[in-house]
Each structure stands twice: as structure tokens, then as C-alpha cells.
C-alpha atoms as a PDB file:
ATOM      1  CA  UNK A   1      11.271  14.857   3.668  1.00  0.00           C
ATOM      2  CA  UNK A   2       8.098  16.578   4.848  1.00  0.00           C
ATOM      3  CA  UNK A   3       6.550  14.908   7.927  1.00  0.00           C
ATOM      4  CA  UNK A   4       5.442  18.123   9.602  1.00  0.00           C
ATOM      5  CA  UNK A   5       2.111  17.887  11.258  1.00  0.00           C
ATOM      6  CA  UNK A   6       1.754  14.200  10.924  1.00  0.00           C
ATOM      7  CA  UNK A   7       0.868  12.059  14.005  1.00  0.00           C
ATOM      8  CA  UNK A   8       2.943   9.113  15.212  1.00  0.00           C
ATOM      9  CA  UNK A   9       2.467   6.625  18.002  1.00  0.00           C
ATOM     10  CA  UNK A  10       5.423   5.004  19.539  1.00  0.00           C
ATOM     11  CA  UNK A  11       5.003   2.362  22.122  1.00  0.00           C
ATOM     12  CA  UNK A  12       7.625   1.825  24.794  1.00  0.00           C
ATOM     13  CA  UNK A  13       8.494   5.524  23.945  1.00  0.00           C
ATOM     14  CA  UNK A  14       9.902   6.398  27.440  1.00  0.00           C
ATOM     15  CA  UNK A  15      13.414   4.981  27.154  1.00  0.00           C
ATOM     16  CA  UNK A  16      15.829   3.312  24.594  1.00  0.00           C
ATOM     17  CA  UNK A  17      14.887   2.758  21.142  1.00  0.00           C
ATOM     18  CA  UNK A  18      11.302   4.241  21.409  1.00  0.00           C
ATOM     19  CA  UNK A  19      12.598   7.469  23.056  1.00  0.00           C
ATOM     20  CA  UNK A  20      15.242   7.863  20.159  1.00  0.00           C
ATOM     21  CA  UNK A  21      12.627   7.226  17.622  1.00  0.00           C
ATOM     22  CA  UNK A  22      10.199   9.791  19.165  1.00  0.00           C
ATOM     23  CA  UNK A  23      12.950  12.434  19.315  1.00  0.00           C
ATOM     24  CA  UNK A  24      13.903  11.854  15.627  1.00  0.00           C
ATOM     25  CA  UNK A  25      10.326  12.197  14.640  1.00  0.00           C
ATOM     26  CA  UNK A  26       9.671  15.301  16.771  1.00  0.00           C
ATOM     27  CA  UNK A  27      12.738  16.984  15.007  1.00  0.00           C
ATOM     28  CA  UNK A  28      10.986  16.499  11.765  1.00  0.00           C
ATOM     29  CA  UNK A  29       7.861  18.254  12.960  1.00  0.00           C
ATOM     30  CA  UNK A  30       5.814  15.087  13.875  1.00  0.00           C
ATOM     31  CA  UNK A  31       3.364  15.069  16.800  1.00  0.00           C
ATOM     32  CA  UNK A  32       4.281  11.860  18.669  1.00  0.00           C
ATOM     33  CA  UNK A  33       2.246  10.043  21.204  1.00  0.00           C
ATOM     34  CA  UNK A  34       4.768   8.211  23.464  1.00  0.00           C
ATOM     35  CA  UNK A  35       3.211   5.336  25.403  1.00  0.00           C
ATOM     36  CA  UNK A  36       4.322   3.209  28.255  1.00  0.00           C
ATOM     37  CA  UNK A  37       3.155   1.720  31.442  1.00  0.00           C
ATOM     38  CA  UNK A  38       4.582   4.506  33.811  1.00  0.00           C
ATOM     39  CA  UNK A  39       3.256   8.011  33.144  1.00  0.00           C
ATOM     40  CA  UNK A  40       5.959   9.541  35.289  1.00  0.00           C
ATOM     41  CA  UNK A  41       8.811   8.260  33.168  1.00  0.00           C
ATOM     42  CA  UNK A  42       7.094   9.483  30.087  1.00  0.00           C
ATOM     43  CA  UNK A  43       6.467  12.884  31.477  1.00  0.00           C
ATOM     44  CA  UNK A  44      10.077  13.199  32.542  1.00  0.00           C
ATOM     45  CA  UNK A  45      11.456  12.549  29.172  1.00  0.00           C
ATOM     46  CA  UNK A  46       8.893  14.302  27.002  1.00  0.00           C
ATOM     47  CA  UNK A  47      10.048  17.249  24.832  1.00  0.00           C
ATOM     48  CA  UNK A  48       7.748  19.753  23.075  1.00  0.00           C
ATOM     49  CA  UNK A  49       5.889  17.747  20.443  1.00  0.00           C
ATOM     50  CA  UNK A  50       5.718  14.577  22.598  1.00  0.00           C
ATOM     51  CA  UNK A  51       2.463  13.496  24.115  1.00  0.00           C
ATOM     52  CA  UNK A  52       2.617  10.955  27.020  1.00  0.00           C
ATOM     53  CA  UNK A  53      -0.071   8.426  27.446  1.00  0.00           C
ATOM     54  CA  UNK A  54      -0.264   5.457  29.540  1.00  0.00           C
ATOM     55  CA  UNK A  55      -0.717   2.157  27.638  1.00  0.00           C
ATOM     56  CA  UNK A  56       0.051  -1.497  28.544  1.00  0.00           C
ATOM     57  CA  UNK A  57       0.511  -3.442  25.337  1.00  0.00           C
ATOM     58  CA  UNK A  58      -0.550  -6.492  27.143  1.00  0.00           C
ATOM     59  CA  UNK A  59      -3.984  -4.984  27.730  1.00  0.00           C
ATOM     60  CA  UNK A  60      -6.042  -5.100  24.373  1.00  0.00           C
ATOM     61  CA  UNK A  61      -8.858  -2.706  25.803  1.00  0.00           C
ATOM     62  CA  UNK A  62      -6.283  -0.312  27.040  1.00  0.00           C
ATOM     63  CA  UNK A  63      -4.672  -0.171  23.584  1.00  0.00           C
ATOM     64  CA  UNK A  64      -8.170   0.261  22.018  1.00  0.00           C
ATOM     65  CA  UNK A  65      -9.033   3.057  24.310  1.00  0.00           C
ATOM     66  CA  UNK A  66      -5.733   4.951  24.409  1.00  0.00           C
ATOM     67  CA  UNK A  67      -5.273   4.824  20.609  1.00  0.00           C
ATOM     68  CA  UNK A  68      -8.626   6.295  20.108  1.00  0.00           C
ATOM     69  CA  UNK A  69      -7.843   9.062  22.690  1.00  0.00           C
ATOM     70  CA  UNK A  70      -4.713   9.808  20.825  1.00  0.00           C
ATOM     71  CA  UNK A  71      -6.589  10.136  17.487  1.00  0.00           C
ATOM     72  CA  UNK A  72      -9.204  12.273  19.010  1.00  0.00           C
ATOM     73  CA  UNK A  73      -6.600  14.518  20.352  1.00  0.00           C
ATOM     74  CA  UNK A  74      -4.194  14.733  17.356  1.00  0.00           C
ATOM     75  CA  UNK A  75      -5.798  13.280  14.471  1.00  0.00           C
ATOM     76  CA  UNK A  76      -5.269  10.049  12.356  1.00  0.00           C
ATOM     77  CA  UNK A  77      -2.155   8.011  13.197  1.00  0.00           C
ATOM     78  CA  UNK A  78       0.133   7.970  10.081  1.00  0.00           C
ATOM     79  CA  UNK A  79       3.232   6.568  11.678  1.00  0.00           C
ATOM     80  CA  UNK A  80       2.952   3.579  14.006  1.00  0.00           C
ATOM     81  CA  UNK A  81       6.104   2.362  15.567  1.00  0.00           C
ATOM     82  CA  UNK A  82       5.454  -0.763  17.562  1.00  0.00           C
ATOM     83  CA  UNK A  83       8.510  -0.841  19.862  1.00  0.00           C
ATOM     84  CA  UNK A  84       7.299  -2.111  23.334  1.00  0.00           C
ATOM     85  CA  UNK A  85       8.795  -5.430  24.232  1.00  0.00           C
ATOM     86  CA  UNK A  86      10.687  -7.501  26.760  1.00  0.00           C
ATOM     87  CA  UNK A  87      13.909  -9.504  26.340  1.00  0.00           C
ATOM     88  CA  UNK A  88      14.176 -12.448  28.686  1.00  0.00           C
ATOM     89  CA  UNK A  89      15.611 -15.747  28.049  1.00  0.00           C
ATOM     90  CA  UNK A  90      15.132 -19.224  29.515  1.00  0.00           C
ATOM     91  CA  UNK A  91      16.387 -22.556  28.337  1.00  0.00           C
ATOM     92  CA  UNK A  92      13.630 -24.887  26.942  1.00  0.00           C
ATOM     93  CA  UNK A  93      13.399 -27.176  29.999  1.00  0.00           C
ATOM     94  CA  UNK A  94      13.051 -24.015  32.187  1.00  0.00           C
ATOM     95  CA  UNK A  95      10.385 -22.385  30.139  1.00  0.00           C
ATOM     96  CA  UNK A  96       7.035 -22.571  31.771  1.00  0.00           C
ATOM     97  CA  UNK A  97       3.708 -21.800  30.068  1.00  0.00           C
ATOM     98  CA  UNK A  98       3.361 -18.742  32.087  1.00  0.00           C
ATOM     99  CA  UNK A  99       6.813 -17.387  31.083  1.00  0.00           C
ATOM    100  CA  UNK A 100       5.962 -18.324  27.397  1.00  0.00           C
ATOM    101  CA  UNK A 101       2.693 -16.448  27.557  1.00  0.00           C
ATOM    102  CA  UNK A 102       4.343 -13.352  29.112  1.00  0.00           C
ATOM    103  CA  UNK A 103       6.812 -13.065  26.279  1.00  0.00           C
ATOM    104  CA  UNK A 104       4.068 -13.601  23.605  1.00  0.00           C
ATOM    105  CA  UNK A 105       1.570 -11.297  25.189  1.00  0.00           C
ATOM    106  CA  UNK A 106       4.014  -8.376  25.144  1.00  0.00           C
ATOM    107  CA  UNK A 107       6.236  -8.909  22.020  1.00  0.00           C
ATOM    108  CA  UNK A 108       3.703 -10.451  19.643  1.00  0.00           C
ATOM    109  CA  UNK A 109       0.101  -9.795  20.776  1.00  0.00           C
ATOM    110  CA  UNK A 110       1.109  -6.186  21.738  1.00  0.00           C
ATOM    111  CA  UNK A 111       2.535  -5.456  18.372  1.00  0.00           C
ATOM    112  CA  UNK A 112      -0.577  -6.899  16.691  1.00  0.00           C
ATOM    113  CA  UNK A 113      -2.980  -4.751  18.775  1.00  0.00           C
ATOM    114  CA  UNK A 114      -1.013  -1.676  18.245  1.00  0.00           C
ATOM    115  CA  UNK A 115      -0.865  -1.900  14.602  1.00  0.00           C
ATOM    116  CA  UNK A 116      -4.478  -3.078  14.299  1.00  0.00           C
ATOM    117  CA  UNK A 117      -5.684   0.126  16.155  1.00  0.00           C
ATOM    118  CA  UNK A 118      -3.393   2.447  14.416  1.00  0.00           C
ATOM    119  CA  UNK A 119      -4.574   1.321  10.985  1.00  0.00           C
ATOM    120  CA  UNK A 120      -8.287   2.087  11.830  1.00  0.00           C
ATOM    121  CA  UNK A 121      -7.454   5.893  11.363  1.00  0.00           C
ATOM    122  CA  UNK A 122      -4.296   5.544   9.010  1.00  0.00           C
ATOM    123  CA  UNK A 123      -6.291   3.879   6.261  1.00  0.00           C
ATOM    124  CA  UNK A 124      -8.424   6.983   6.049  1.00  0.00           C
ATOM    125  CA  UNK A 125      -5.304   9.035   4.976  1.00  0.00           C
ATOM    126  CA  UNK A 126      -3.127   9.013   1.969  1.00  0.00           C
ATOM    127  CA  UNK A 127       0.039   8.093   3.755  1.00  0.00           C
ATOM    128  CA  UNK A 128       1.082   5.553   6.404  1.00  0.00           C
ATOM    129  CA  UNK A 129       4.120   3.896   7.903  1.00  0.00           C
ATOM    130  CA  UNK A 130       4.079   0.784  10.153  1.00  0.00           C
ATOM    131  CA  UNK A 131       7.399  -0.043  11.765  1.00  0.00           C
ATOM    132  CA  UNK A 132       7.927  -2.998  14.178  1.00  0.00           C
ATOM    133  CA  UNK A 133      10.930  -3.282  16.148  1.00  0.00           C
ATOM    134  CA  UNK A 134      11.897  -6.953  15.877  1.00  0.00           C
ATOM    135  CA  UNK A 135      15.273  -8.406  16.614  1.00  0.00           C
ATOM    136  CA  UNK A 136      18.215 -10.216  15.012  1.00  0.00           C
ATOM    137  CA  UNK A 137      16.852 -13.122  17.124  1.00  0.00           C
ATOM    138  CA  UNK A 138      13.782 -12.898  14.808  1.00  0.00           C
ATOM    139  CA  UNK A 139      16.030 -13.801  11.890  1.00  0.00           C
ATOM    140  CA  UNK A 140      18.376 -16.423  13.261  1.00  0.00           C
ATOM    141  CA  UNK A 141      17.103 -17.590  16.730  1.00  0.00           C
ATOM    142  CA  UNK A 142      18.964 -17.238  19.990  1.00  0.00           C
ATOM    143  CA  UNK A 143      20.296 -19.817  22.295  1.00  0.00           C
ATOM    144  CA  UNK A 144      18.661 -19.824  25.571  1.00  0.00           C
ATOM    145  CA  UNK A 145      15.888 -17.553  24.397  1.00  0.00           C
ATOM    146  CA  UNK A 146      13.393 -19.631  22.347  1.00  0.00           C
ATOM    147  CA  UNK A 147      10.365 -17.729  23.538  1.00  0.00           C
ATOM    148  CA  UNK A 148      11.829 -14.370  22.826  1.00  0.00           C
ATOM    149  CA  UNK A 149      13.140 -15.434  19.342  1.00  0.00           C
ATOM    150  CA  UNK A 150       9.621 -17.089  18.521  1.00  0.00           C
ATOM    151  CA  UNK A 151       7.951 -13.887  19.412  1.00  0.00           C
ATOM    152  CA  UNK A 152      10.255 -11.869  17.196  1.00  0.00           C
ATOM    153  CA  UNK A 153       9.917 -14.238  14.362  1.00  0.00           C
ATOM    154  CA  UNK A 154       6.207 -13.953  14.679  1.00  0.00           C
ATOM    155  CA  UNK A 155       6.410 -10.087  14.451  1.00  0.00           C
ATOM    156  CA  UNK A 156       8.278 -10.526  11.118  1.00  0.00           C
ATOM    157  CA  UNK A 157       5.866 -12.936   9.667  1.00  0.00           C
ATOM    158  CA  UNK A 158       2.993 -10.665  10.803  1.00  0.00           C
ATOM    159  CA  UNK A 159       4.375  -7.462   9.375  1.00  0.00           C
ATOM    160  CA  UNK A 160       5.205  -9.286   5.924  1.00  0.00           C
ATOM    161  CA  UNK A 161       1.703 -10.408   5.811  1.00  0.00           C
ATOM    162  CA  UNK A 162       0.154  -7.011   6.490  1.00  0.00           C
ATOM    163  CA  UNK A 163       2.396  -5.601   3.708  1.00  0.00           C
ATOM    164  CA  UNK A 164       0.835  -8.149   1.382  1.00  0.00           C
ATOM    165  CA  UNK A 165      -2.628  -7.114   2.572  1.00  0.00           C
ATOM    166  CA  UNK A 166      -1.972  -3.519   1.407  1.00  0.00           C
ATOM    167  CA  UNK A 167       0.097  -3.790  -1.591  1.00  0.00           C
ATOM    168  CA  UNK A 168      -0.432  -0.916  -4.066  1.00  0.00           C
ATOM    169  CA  UNK A 169      -1.826   1.206  -1.099  1.00  0.00           C
ATOM    170  CA  UNK A 170       0.079   4.361   0.302  1.00  0.00           C
ATOM    171  CA  UNK A 171       0.909   2.351   3.489  1.00  0.00           C
ATOM    172  CA  UNK A 172       4.077   0.344   4.232  1.00  0.00           C
ATOM    173  CA  UNK A 173       5.072  -2.269   6.718  1.00  0.00           C
ATOM    174  CA  UNK A 174       8.589  -3.104   7.768  1.00  0.00           C
ATOM    175  CA  UNK A 175      10.557  -4.540  10.655  1.00  0.00           C
ATOM    176  CA  UNK A 176      13.870  -3.439  12.018  1.00  0.00           C
ATOM    177  CA  UNK A 177      16.057  -5.931  13.630  1.00  0.00           C
ATOM    178  CA  UNK A 178      18.645  -4.817  15.853  1.00  0.00           C
ATOM    179  CA  UNK A 179      21.403  -6.691  17.524  1.00  0.00           C
ATOM    180  CA  UNK A 180      22.308  -5.786  21.141  1.00  0.00           C
ATOM    181  CA  UNK A 181      21.556  -1.930  21.562  1.00  0.00           C
ATOM    182  CA  UNK A 182      22.789   0.170  24.487  1.00  0.00           C
ATOM    183  CA  UNK A 183      19.521   0.553  26.312  1.00  0.00           C
ATOM    184  CA  UNK A 184      18.356  -0.276  29.876  1.00  0.00           C
ATOM    185  CA  UNK A 185      17.285  -3.789  28.514  1.00  0.00           C
ATOM    186  CA  UNK A 186      21.182  -4.556  28.087  1.00  0.00           C
ATOM    187  CA  UNK A 187      21.693  -3.242  31.648  1.00  0.00           C
ATOM    188  CA  UNK A 188      19.113  -5.606  33.090  1.00  0.00           C
ATOM    189  CA  UNK A 189      20.414  -8.533  30.935  1.00  0.00           C
ATOM    190  CA  UNK A 190      23.798  -7.860  32.152  1.00  0.00           C
ATOM    191  CA  UNK A 191      22.671  -8.389  35.744  1.00  0.00           C
ATOM    192  CA  UNK A 192      20.720 -11.461  34.859  1.00  0.00           C
ATOM    193  CA  UNK A 193      23.599 -13.120  32.912  1.00  0.00           C
ATOM    194  CA  UNK A 194      26.105 -12.288  35.598  1.00  0.00           C
ATOM    195  CA  UNK A 195      24.026 -14.107  38.219  1.00  0.00           C
ATOM    196  CA  UNK A 196      23.040 -16.984  36.097  1.00  0.00           C
ATOM    197  CA  UNK A 197      26.495 -17.617  34.584  1.00  0.00           C
ATOM    198  CA  UNK A 198      28.432 -16.647  37.713  1.00  0.00           C
ATOM    199  CA  UNK A 199      30.563 -14.116  35.936  1.00  0.00           C
ATOM    200  CA  UNK A 200      31.292 -10.370  36.515  1.00  0.00           C
ATOM    201  CA  UNK A 201      28.980  -7.746  35.139  1.00  0.00           C
ATOM    202  CA  UNK A 202      31.809  -6.614  32.843  1.00  0.00           C
ATOM    203  CA  UNK A 203      32.162 -10.108  31.561  1.00  0.00           C
ATOM    204  CA  UNK A 204      28.426 -10.537  31.247  1.00  0.00           C
ATOM    205  CA  UNK A 205      28.362  -7.286  29.095  1.00  0.00           C
ATOM    206  CA  UNK A 206      31.164  -8.478  26.955  1.00  0.00           C
ATOM    207  CA  UNK A 207      29.304 -11.546  26.196  1.00  0.00           C
ATOM    208  CA  UNK A 208      26.486  -9.497  24.692  1.00  0.00           C
ATOM    209  CA  UNK A 209      28.725  -7.168  22.964  1.00  0.00           C
ATOM    210  CA  UNK A 210      30.524 -10.070  21.218  1.00  0.00           C
ATOM    211  CA  UNK A 211      27.295 -11.122  19.598  1.00  0.00           C
ATOM    212  CA  UNK A 212      27.295  -8.044  17.608  1.00  0.00           C
ATOM    213  CA  UNK A 213      29.365  -8.537  14.322  1.00  0.00           C
ATOM    214  CA  UNK A 214      31.349  -5.495  14.936  1.00  0.00           C
ATOM    215  CA  UNK A 215      31.926  -6.052  18.542  1.00  0.00           C
ATOM    216  CA  UNK A 216      30.283  -3.008  20.111  1.00  0.00           C
ATOM    217  CA  UNK A 217      26.779  -2.039  21.239  1.00  0.00           C
ATOM    218  CA  UNK A 218      24.484  -0.330  18.701  1.00  0.00           C
ATOM    219  CA  UNK A 219      23.357   3.102  19.564  1.00  0.00           C
ATOM    220  CA  UNK A 220      19.501   3.678  19.769  1.00  0.00           C
ATOM    221  CA  UNK A 221      20.062   6.716  17.526  1.00  0.00           C
ATOM    222  CA  UNK A 222      21.110   4.236  14.670  1.00  0.00           C
ATOM    223  CA  UNK A 223      17.766   2.584  15.026  1.00  0.00           C
ATOM    224  CA  UNK A 224      15.901   5.852  15.094  1.00  0.00           C
ATOM    225  CA  UNK A 225      17.670   6.973  11.878  1.00  0.00           C
ATOM    226  CA  UNK A 226      16.637   3.918  10.103  1.00  0.00           C
ATOM    227  CA  UNK A 227      12.986   4.356  11.256  1.00  0.00           C
ATOM    228  CA  UNK A 228      13.090   7.999  10.009  1.00  0.00           C
ATOM    229  CA  UNK A 229      14.450   6.757   6.675  1.00  0.00           C
ATOM    230  CA  UNK A 230      11.469   4.343   6.334  1.00  0.00           C
ATOM    231  CA  UNK A 231       9.096   7.318   7.017  1.00  0.00           C
ATOM    232  CA  UNK A 232      10.526   9.117   4.020  1.00  0.00           C
ATOM    233  CA  UNK A 233       7.783   9.463   1.466  1.00  0.00           C
ATOM    234  CA  UNK A 234      10.327   8.421  -1.178  1.00  0.00           C
ATOM    235  CA  UNK A 235      10.713   5.141   0.563  1.00  0.00           C
ATOM    236  CA  UNK A 236       7.173   3.769  -0.443  1.00  0.00           C
ATOM    237  CA  UNK A 237       8.727   0.764  -2.318  1.00  0.00           C
ATOM    238  CA  UNK A 238      10.426  -0.397   0.745  1.00  0.00           C
ATOM    239  CA  UNK A 239       7.681  -2.718   2.027  1.00  0.00           C
ATOM    240  CA  UNK A 240       7.403  -6.062   3.649  1.00  0.00           C
ATOM    241  CA  UNK A 241      11.150  -5.931   4.505  1.00  0.00           C
ATOM    242  CA  UNK A 242      13.281  -6.756   7.424  1.00  0.00           C
ATOM    243  CA  UNK A 243      16.259  -4.358   8.102  1.00  0.00           C
ATOM    244  CA  UNK A 244      19.022  -6.069  10.101  1.00  0.00           C
ATOM    245  CA  UNK A 245      21.227  -3.796  12.180  1.00  0.00           C
ATOM    246  CA  UNK A 246      23.902  -5.983  13.819  1.00  0.00           C
ATOM    247  CA  UNK A 247      27.219  -4.492  12.651  1.00  0.00           C
ATOM    248  CA  UNK A 248      27.775  -6.992   9.871  1.00  0.00           C
ATOM    249  CA  UNK A 249      26.225  -9.900   7.896  1.00  0.00           C
ATOM    250  CA  UNK A 250      23.769 -11.971   9.775  1.00  0.00           C
END
């Protein structure tokens, strides 16, 4: 697999899955623009080959400007990993329009803008990979998290459609759908579930772990390995697919 010198953009690249993906790509010689809302976090974790850039995926103009700046600095984007997202749940009768829009603006709109802007330079090249980080909830739904599940279902449908748009071209579009991954999001959700359900933090964490079929948290590096595999030039026929990583059949 020869990815040396290619330019990737990874949103939400300062922690968790995004950082693991960025590290895996850098190890293959890719120049990686890592984005997030807090420059200090990005600078703290950046390794040689990683280039921090502030980009809030809920801000369309900021995505347009930041993506163009990255292209100007490091050339066309040939690997786009739309990872930035939020995982928050509310039951239907407690889901306000403001909460709904917050989830959609980050998880669905942000993915759309990121992919759209990346394609502007990618389609001038002879290779491209678009990888969206969806969720198991995008395949089967999730009790108490209708807005989140809807946003992740939307990501899958969108990526499938983009794959259809470019059939026969040297660009692929796929979604990775993890279960519960050992990231700061799980830590935050542990606190929220503990308070909401009136259980201990250990019990709250066990509740999430039990939803993975193999009864353990998934490592970010497992998601990164899958993303790296999709970037392999030999994987050009893997297109318009959702890869579930949940420790068993979904």
C-alpha cells in the first residue's frame, strides 16, 4: 500500500477515533490535516505529519475556508475522513427542536459539508477515499437516542448516494459503523447515564459495554485499521458499503 505523500483531512482529529485514524495514516506517509474546534488540543496531540487546523463542522463557511487553506498548503485532499460528531440521547418526548438541530448540524450537515468541500480538489486527481464514521445506531436505531440514530442513518444514506454518483471513477465512499468505542465520548456518556438512571458510574459503563456483542469496548485503533484498509488502492471495489464493528452480528 503506497499512500506516501497523499493528503488527508480528518475531522475531530484531536481525540478518540479521529486521532487514531490520523496516526495510522501518518505511519503510512500521509500528510494529515487534523481539524477540531480547539487548536490547543490539536497542537498537543499532533505528531510529525499532522497539521492542526481549527474547523467547526457546524459552520459551513469555516469548513469552506479551512478546507481551501489545507489544499493550498498541502495539495488536493485525496483521503477524507468525516469523523467529527456528538453522541447525545434524549427520549422522544424530551427532544426539543433545538436539540434535534444540534445533533443534525454536527453529525449530518457537518459530514455533508466536509465531504463536499474535500471533493472539490479530490476529483482533480486519480485516487480518492471518502470514509464517514457512522454508528451501529445508524444500522439498527438506538433506544432513547432517536435524533442521534436518525443522523447516523442519514450519513449512511448520503454516503451510499455519493458512491452511486461516482461509480466507475477512482473514488470510493464508505461508512464505518462502530459500536461503543473506548473514547472520551463514552466517558461523558457514562456520567450522563449515571445521573439520569441513578446508577453508579461503573454500572453505567457496564450498560454501554453490554450493548457490544462481545461485551467489551472497541479500541479506536480497530476503527483506524479499518479506515486504513479502505484507503488501500487494492480496495477500489469496496464502495457504497457500511462496515459494522460491534463485536458480532448486528
